Each structure stands twice: as structure tokens, then as C-alpha cells.
Amino acid sequence: MARHFGLKPVSEAEARAVLHLESQALWSGLWGRYDQAWQDFFITHMAEEKYGLTVAEGARDLLNDLKKRGLGLALATNRDRPWDALADTGLAPYFDTAVGVLEVARGKPAPDMLWLALERLRADPDQTIFIGDAPTDMMAAARSGVRGVGLLEGGADGRELLDAGAWQIRAGLSDLADLWD
């Protein structure tokens, strides 16, 4: 994409540092400004958000377990098309709702996406756990009144996640089972 628009190349580390941000902040974080043409190009030419999507180890097992328990599941993401991302990874059947950044006034770290997910699930914030791997996830959780569990496998530092408002820190998805016992 950088080559297409004549922008400076971005390292993988630079890209990972901003991937959790909403679109405008992401592009501004990479190139110091936002251009709608970049977002349009990304959506059109980067395989409709298929670029870089992988399913974390243990995700399907965890989702199967949570569905068997009858828990409502939502995805809150700063991606533009959350259902496309879920479909592309084969995870859509596990989720009751998904909220993307285009559906709310403010993306994470604002609580708007989580509030909309709670409303759609008819869930009580006091009985809700939000799992994320970025400080913005933990800020959104804290601001929305839900308990945020920060995952270290996403690359964030535990102290950073706690400072952002995490209720608990876990190494990865395989370390979450006791939260629902």
C-alpha cells in the first residue's frame, strides 16, 4: 500500500503498534496524516480485511466451551467490517453479535462499541468479561464498566495493560477457562 501511494515503507513492528487503532488513527500513526483514499484502497485491494487475519491457538476450543455454557458472545473491533473478519476466519457461527468502528461515534479506547455490544446481548456489565490484547481494549473495558482481561500473547506488556484498566492479566486464551467456573 505504501508503494502504491508513494509513502514511506512501514516495518512490521510499526504496523503492529497501530493495528488496534480505529482507521483514522491507524493511518495517522503510520504516516502522520489520514487520507480516505488509503482506507478505500485497503478495503478494496487488501482482500476486504482478510489481510493478516489469523485465528489464535486455542480460540476455537474456547469459543466452543463458551457456547456450550450458553454464554452470549460479541466481538468489538476497530475494524470496519467485523462480520467479514469473522466469516473469513470461520468464527462467525460462534458470535451472537459483532460491533465495528463504523457503527459507533468513537472507536476503542472509547466505550461505545462495548456499550452497543452489551445492549445487543442484553447483558449486565457487572456480569461481562471483555478479552483483549491491547491497552485500548482495556481502556474501553474499564470505561464501559465491564471486567477487562488482558492477554499477553498479543504482544502488550502486562504493566501497560494493568495501567490501562485491566481487571486481570493472562498469558493467552488457554489460560481463561477458570473465569467461567
C-alpha atoms as a PDB file:
ATOM      1  CA  MET A   1       0.000   0.000   0.000  1.00  0.00           C
ATOM      2  CA  ALA A   2       2.823   2.385   0.873  1.00  0.00           C
ATOM      3  CA  ARG A   3       4.383   1.749  -2.535  1.00  0.00           C
ATOM      4  CA  HIS A   4       1.046   2.379  -4.290  1.00  0.00           C
ATOM      5  CA  PHE A   5       0.695   5.831  -2.688  1.00  0.00           C
ATOM      6  CA  GLY A   6       4.392   6.744  -2.626  1.00  0.00           C
ATOM      7  CA  LEU A   7       4.558   6.674   1.178  1.00  0.00           C
ATOM      8  CA  LYS A   8       7.500   5.618   3.313  1.00  0.00           C
ATOM      9  CA  PRO A   9       7.639   1.851   3.860  1.00  0.00           C
ATOM     10  CA  VAL A  10       6.398   0.648   7.236  1.00  0.00           C
ATOM     11  CA  SER A  11       8.032  -2.120   9.234  1.00  0.00           C
ATOM     12  CA  GLU A  12       6.019  -4.980  10.699  1.00  0.00           C
ATOM     13  CA  ALA A  13       6.727  -3.604  14.188  1.00  0.00           C
ATOM     14  CA  GLU A  14       5.383  -0.172  13.200  1.00  0.00           C
ATOM     15  CA  ALA A  15       2.244  -1.732  11.719  1.00  0.00           C
ATOM     16  CA  ARG A  16       1.627  -3.939  14.771  1.00  0.00           C
ATOM     17  CA  ALA A  17       1.923  -0.900  17.040  1.00  0.00           C
ATOM     18  CA  VAL A  18      -1.128   0.750  15.442  1.00  0.00           C
ATOM     19  CA  LEU A  19      -3.255  -2.191  14.256  1.00  0.00           C
ATOM     20  CA  HIS A  20      -5.608  -1.895  17.238  1.00  0.00           C
ATOM     21  CA  LEU A  21      -6.493   1.728  16.430  1.00  0.00           C
ATOM     22  CA  GLU A  22      -9.523   2.929  14.501  1.00  0.00           C
ATOM     23  CA  SER A  23      -8.893   3.705  10.815  1.00  0.00           C
ATOM     24  CA  GLN A  24      -8.068   7.409  11.012  1.00  0.00           C
ATOM     25  CA  ALA A  25      -5.744   6.988  13.978  1.00  0.00           C
ATOM     26  CA  LEU A  26      -4.097   3.967  12.366  1.00  0.00           C
ATOM     27  CA  TRP A  27      -3.170   5.773   9.147  1.00  0.00           C
ATOM     28  CA  SER A  28      -2.159   8.905  11.050  1.00  0.00           C
ATOM     29  CA  GLY A  29       0.036   6.765  13.285  1.00  0.00           C
ATOM     30  CA  LEU A  30       1.801   5.303  10.276  1.00  0.00           C
ATOM     31  CA  TRP A  31       2.145   8.343   8.034  1.00  0.00           C
ATOM     32  CA  GLY A  32       1.319  11.382  10.143  1.00  0.00           C
ATOM     33  CA  ARG A  33      -1.975  12.151   8.451  1.00  0.00           C
ATOM     34  CA  TYR A  34      -5.174  10.498   7.234  1.00  0.00           C
ATOM     35  CA  ASP A  35      -6.314  10.140   3.650  1.00  0.00           C
ATOM     36  CA  GLN A  36      -9.659   8.468   2.900  1.00  0.00           C
ATOM     37  CA  ALA A  37      -8.134   7.073  -0.300  1.00  0.00           C
ATOM     38  CA  TRP A  38      -5.815   4.933   1.823  1.00  0.00           C
ATOM     39  CA  GLN A  39      -8.738   3.422   3.699  1.00  0.00           C
ATOM     40  CA  ASP A  40     -10.631   2.833   0.463  1.00  0.00           C
ATOM     41  CA  PHE A  41      -7.586   1.157  -1.087  1.00  0.00           C
ATOM     42  CA  PHE A  42      -7.087  -1.010   1.975  1.00  0.00           C
ATOM     43  CA  ILE A  43     -10.688  -2.212   1.930  1.00  0.00           C
ATOM     44  CA  THR A  44     -10.732  -2.802  -1.820  1.00  0.00           C
ATOM     45  CA  HIS A  45      -7.258  -4.156  -2.510  1.00  0.00           C
ATOM     46  CA  MET A  46      -6.165  -5.719   0.727  1.00  0.00           C
ATOM     47  CA  ALA A  47      -8.707  -8.534   0.357  1.00  0.00           C
ATOM     48  CA  GLU A  48     -11.610  -6.965   2.210  1.00  0.00           C
ATOM     49  CA  GLU A  49      -9.861  -7.128   5.581  1.00  0.00           C
ATOM     50  CA  LYS A  50      -8.572 -10.660   5.061  1.00  0.00           C
ATOM     51  CA  TYR A  51      -5.046  -9.285   5.208  1.00  0.00           C
ATOM     52  CA  GLY A  52      -3.261 -10.524   8.284  1.00  0.00           C
ATOM     53  CA  LEU A  53      -6.200 -12.329   9.881  1.00  0.00           C
ATOM     54  CA  THR A  54      -5.315 -15.453  11.794  1.00  0.00           C
ATOM     55  CA  VAL A  55      -7.098 -17.469  14.453  1.00  0.00           C
ATOM     56  CA  ALA A  56      -5.161 -17.593  17.708  1.00  0.00           C
ATOM     57  CA  GLU A  57      -4.242 -21.000  19.053  1.00  0.00           C
ATOM     58  CA  GLY A  58      -6.970 -22.203  21.389  1.00  0.00           C
ATOM     59  CA  ALA A  59      -9.601 -19.777  20.093  1.00  0.00           C
ATOM     60  CA  ARG A  60     -11.942 -22.385  18.652  1.00  0.00           C
ATOM     61  CA  ASP A  61     -11.743 -24.553  21.783  1.00  0.00           C
ATOM     62  CA  LEU A  62     -12.504 -21.566  23.987  1.00  0.00           C
ATOM     63  CA  LEU A  63     -15.400 -20.415  21.810  1.00  0.00           C
ATOM     64  CA  ASN A  64     -16.857 -23.948  21.728  1.00  0.00           C
ATOM     65  CA  ASP A  65     -16.679 -24.114  25.518  1.00  0.00           C
ATOM     66  CA  LEU A  66     -18.314 -20.709  25.969  1.00  0.00           C
ATOM     67  CA  LYS A  67     -21.148 -21.545  23.563  1.00  0.00           C
ATOM     68  CA  LYS A  68     -21.759 -24.869  25.359  1.00  0.00           C
ATOM     69  CA  ARG A  69     -22.144 -22.875  28.564  1.00  0.00           C
ATOM     70  CA  GLY A  70     -24.818 -20.767  26.857  1.00  0.00           C
ATOM     71  CA  LEU A  71     -22.910 -17.520  27.136  1.00  0.00           C
ATOM     72  CA  GLY A  72     -23.610 -14.678  24.737  1.00  0.00           C
ATOM     73  CA  LEU A  73     -20.562 -13.723  22.690  1.00  0.00           C
ATOM     74  CA  ALA A  74     -19.773 -10.456  20.985  1.00  0.00           C
ATOM     75  CA  LEU A  75     -16.853  -9.081  19.029  1.00  0.00           C
ATOM     76  CA  ALA A  76     -15.973  -5.411  19.445  1.00  0.00           C
ATOM     77  CA  THR A  77     -13.310  -4.357  16.975  1.00  0.00           C
ATOM     78  CA  ASN A  78     -11.885  -1.238  15.423  1.00  0.00           C
ATOM     79  CA  ARG A  79     -12.163  -2.982  12.064  1.00  0.00           C
ATOM     80  CA  ASP A  80     -14.721  -1.580   9.651  1.00  0.00           C
ATOM     81  CA  ARG A  81     -16.414  -4.886   8.824  1.00  0.00           C
ATOM     82  CA  PRO A  82     -16.401  -7.233  11.820  1.00  0.00           C
ATOM     83  CA  TRP A  83     -18.681  -9.876  10.312  1.00  0.00           C
ATOM     84  CA  ASP A  84     -16.413 -10.141   7.266  1.00  0.00           C
ATOM     85  CA  ALA A  85     -13.433 -10.750   9.529  1.00  0.00           C
ATOM     86  CA  LEU A  86     -15.355 -13.406  11.468  1.00  0.00           C
ATOM     87  CA  ALA A  87     -16.552 -15.090   8.278  1.00  0.00           C
ATOM     88  CA  ASP A  88     -13.059 -15.068   6.751  1.00  0.00           C
ATOM     89  CA  THR A  89     -11.682 -16.868   9.792  1.00  0.00           C
ATOM     90  CA  GLY A  90     -14.621 -19.261  10.170  1.00  0.00           C
ATOM     91  CA  LEU A  91     -15.533 -17.847  13.584  1.00  0.00           C
ATOM     92  CA  ALA A  92     -18.843 -16.163  12.709  1.00  0.00           C
ATOM     93  CA  PRO A  93     -21.054 -19.035  13.962  1.00  0.00           C
ATOM     94  CA  TYR A  94     -19.744 -18.592  17.491  1.00  0.00           C
ATOM     95  CA  PHE A  95     -20.797 -14.956  17.851  1.00  0.00           C
ATOM     96  CA  ASP A  96     -24.205 -13.519  18.659  1.00  0.00           C
ATOM     97  CA  THR A  97     -23.241 -10.014  17.604  1.00  0.00           C
ATOM     98  CA  ALA A  98     -20.288  -8.036  16.315  1.00  0.00           C
ATOM     99  CA  VAL A  99     -19.679  -4.309  16.511  1.00  0.00           C
ATOM    100  CA  GLY A 100     -17.295  -2.480  14.209  1.00  0.00           C
ATOM    101  CA  VAL A 101     -15.923   1.022  14.334  1.00  0.00           C
ATOM    102  CA  LEU A 102     -18.325   2.334  11.680  1.00  0.00           C
ATOM    103  CA  GLU A 103     -21.335   1.554  13.883  1.00  0.00           C
ATOM    104  CA  VAL A 104     -20.395   3.901  16.709  1.00  0.00           C
ATOM    105  CA  ALA A 105     -19.335   7.509  17.159  1.00  0.00           C
ATOM    106  CA  ARG A 106     -15.971   6.574  18.677  1.00  0.00           C
ATOM    107  CA  GLY A 107     -13.777   3.507  18.406  1.00  0.00           C
ATOM    108  CA  LYS A 108     -11.759   1.982  21.219  1.00  0.00           C
ATOM    109  CA  PRO A 109     -10.483   3.177  23.641  1.00  0.00           C
ATOM    110  CA  ALA A 110     -13.904   4.843  23.958  1.00  0.00           C
ATOM    111  CA  PRO A 111     -16.552   2.530  25.450  1.00  0.00           C
ATOM    112  CA  ASP A 112     -19.075   2.980  22.619  1.00  0.00           C
ATOM    113  CA  MET A 113     -18.548  -0.402  20.937  1.00  0.00           C
ATOM    114  CA  LEU A 114     -18.789  -2.273  24.207  1.00  0.00           C
ATOM    115  CA  TRP A 115     -21.939  -0.401  25.193  1.00  0.00           C
ATOM    116  CA  LEU A 116     -23.548  -1.343  21.873  1.00  0.00           C
ATOM    117  CA  ALA A 117     -22.486  -4.986  22.256  1.00  0.00           C
ATOM    118  CA  LEU A 118     -23.916  -5.056  25.795  1.00  0.00           C
ATOM    119  CA  GLU A 119     -27.183  -3.577  24.533  1.00  0.00           C
ATOM    120  CA  ARG A 120     -27.454  -6.118  21.716  1.00  0.00           C
ATOM    121  CA  LEU A 121     -26.728  -9.021  24.071  1.00  0.00           C
ATOM    122  CA  ARG A 122     -28.956  -7.566  26.788  1.00  0.00           C
ATOM    123  CA  ALA A 123     -26.008  -8.178  29.080  1.00  0.00           C
ATOM    124  CA  ASP A 124     -25.245  -6.756  32.501  1.00  0.00           C
ATOM    125  CA  PRO A 125     -21.834  -5.019  32.553  1.00  0.00           C
ATOM    126  CA  ASP A 126     -21.202  -6.446  36.025  1.00  0.00           C
ATOM    127  CA  GLN A 127     -21.541  -9.967  34.595  1.00  0.00           C
ATOM    128  CA  THR A 128     -19.482  -9.337  31.456  1.00  0.00           C
ATOM    129  CA  ILE A 129     -15.853 -10.061  30.679  1.00  0.00           C
ATOM    130  CA  PHE A 130     -14.079  -8.438  27.742  1.00  0.00           C
ATOM    131  CA  ILE A 131     -10.926 -10.111  26.463  1.00  0.00           C
ATOM    132  CA  GLY A 132      -8.360  -8.054  24.600  1.00  0.00           C
ATOM    133  CA  ASP A 133      -4.669  -7.787  23.918  1.00  0.00           C
ATOM    134  CA  ALA A 134      -4.127  -4.037  23.647  1.00  0.00           C
ATOM    135  CA  PRO A 135      -4.196  -1.147  26.113  1.00  0.00           C
ATOM    136  CA  THR A 136      -7.051   0.414  24.119  1.00  0.00           C
ATOM    137  CA  ASP A 137      -9.093  -2.751  24.756  1.00  0.00           C
ATOM    138  CA  MET A 138      -8.551  -2.455  28.500  1.00  0.00           C
ATOM    139  CA  MET A 139      -9.395   1.257  28.474  1.00  0.00           C
ATOM    140  CA  ALA A 140     -12.657   0.520  26.636  1.00  0.00           C
ATOM    141  CA  ALA A 141     -13.495  -2.238  29.118  1.00  0.00           C
ATOM    142  CA  ALA A 142     -12.841  -0.050  32.152  1.00  0.00           C
ATOM    143  CA  ARG A 143     -14.786   2.878  30.691  1.00  0.00           C
ATOM    144  CA  SER A 144     -17.767   0.678  29.829  1.00  0.00           C
ATOM    145  CA  GLY A 145     -17.985  -0.914  33.278  1.00  0.00           C
ATOM    146  CA  VAL A 146     -17.045  -4.454  32.246  1.00  0.00           C
ATOM    147  CA  ARG A 147     -14.118  -6.510  33.508  1.00  0.00           C
ATOM    148  CA  GLY A 148     -11.237  -6.477  31.045  1.00  0.00           C
ATOM    149  CA  VAL A 149      -8.858  -9.410  30.796  1.00  0.00           C
ATOM    150  CA  GLY A 150      -5.609  -8.500  29.075  1.00  0.00           C
ATOM    151  CA  LEU A 151      -3.815 -11.158  27.057  1.00  0.00           C
ATOM    152  CA  LEU A 152      -0.047 -11.076  26.877  1.00  0.00           C
ATOM    153  CA  GLU A 153       0.093 -13.217  23.729  1.00  0.00           C
ATOM    154  CA  GLY A 154      -0.906 -10.153  21.714  1.00  0.00           C
ATOM    155  CA  GLY A 155       2.426  -8.547  22.485  1.00  0.00           C
ATOM    156  CA  ALA A 156       1.431  -5.908  25.039  1.00  0.00           C
ATOM    157  CA  ASP A 157       3.265  -5.590  28.330  1.00  0.00           C
ATOM    158  CA  GLY A 158       1.339  -6.700  31.428  1.00  0.00           C
ATOM    159  CA  ARG A 159       2.051  -3.456  33.295  1.00  0.00           C
ATOM    160  CA  GLU A 160       0.775  -1.473  30.313  1.00  0.00           C
ATOM    161  CA  LEU A 161      -2.457  -3.490  30.249  1.00  0.00           C
ATOM    162  CA  LEU A 162      -2.970  -3.070  34.003  1.00  0.00           C
ATOM    163  CA  ASP A 163      -2.298   0.656  33.784  1.00  0.00           C
ATOM    164  CA  ALA A 164      -4.905   0.859  31.026  1.00  0.00           C
ATOM    165  CA  GLY A 165      -7.521  -0.677  33.351  1.00  0.00           C
ATOM    166  CA  ALA A 166      -7.239  -4.468  33.023  1.00  0.00           C
ATOM    167  CA  TRP A 167      -9.017  -6.410  35.766  1.00  0.00           C
ATOM    168  CA  GLN A 168      -6.733  -9.402  35.204  1.00  0.00           C
ATOM    169  CA  ILE A 169      -3.797 -10.381  33.007  1.00  0.00           C
ATOM    170  CA  ARG A 170      -3.486 -13.809  31.411  1.00  0.00           C
ATOM    171  CA  ALA A 171      -0.775 -15.281  29.195  1.00  0.00           C
ATOM    172  CA  GLY A 172      -3.156 -16.459  26.482  1.00  0.00           C
ATOM    173  CA  LEU A 173      -6.509 -17.903  25.535  1.00  0.00           C
ATOM    174  CA  SER A 174      -5.689 -21.269  27.091  1.00  0.00           C
ATOM    175  CA  ASP A 175      -5.445 -19.549  30.491  1.00  0.00           C
ATOM    176  CA  LEU A 176      -9.048 -18.289  30.600  1.00  0.00           C
ATOM    177  CA  ALA A 177     -11.156 -21.380  31.408  1.00  0.00           C
ATOM    178  CA  ASP A 178     -11.354 -20.704  35.156  1.00  0.00           C
ATOM    179  CA  LEU A 179     -13.022 -17.320  34.570  1.00  0.00           C
ATOM    180  CA  TRP A 180     -16.322 -19.071  33.864  1.00  0.00           C
ATOM    181  CA  ASP A 181     -16.194 -21.742  36.582  1.00  0.00           C
END
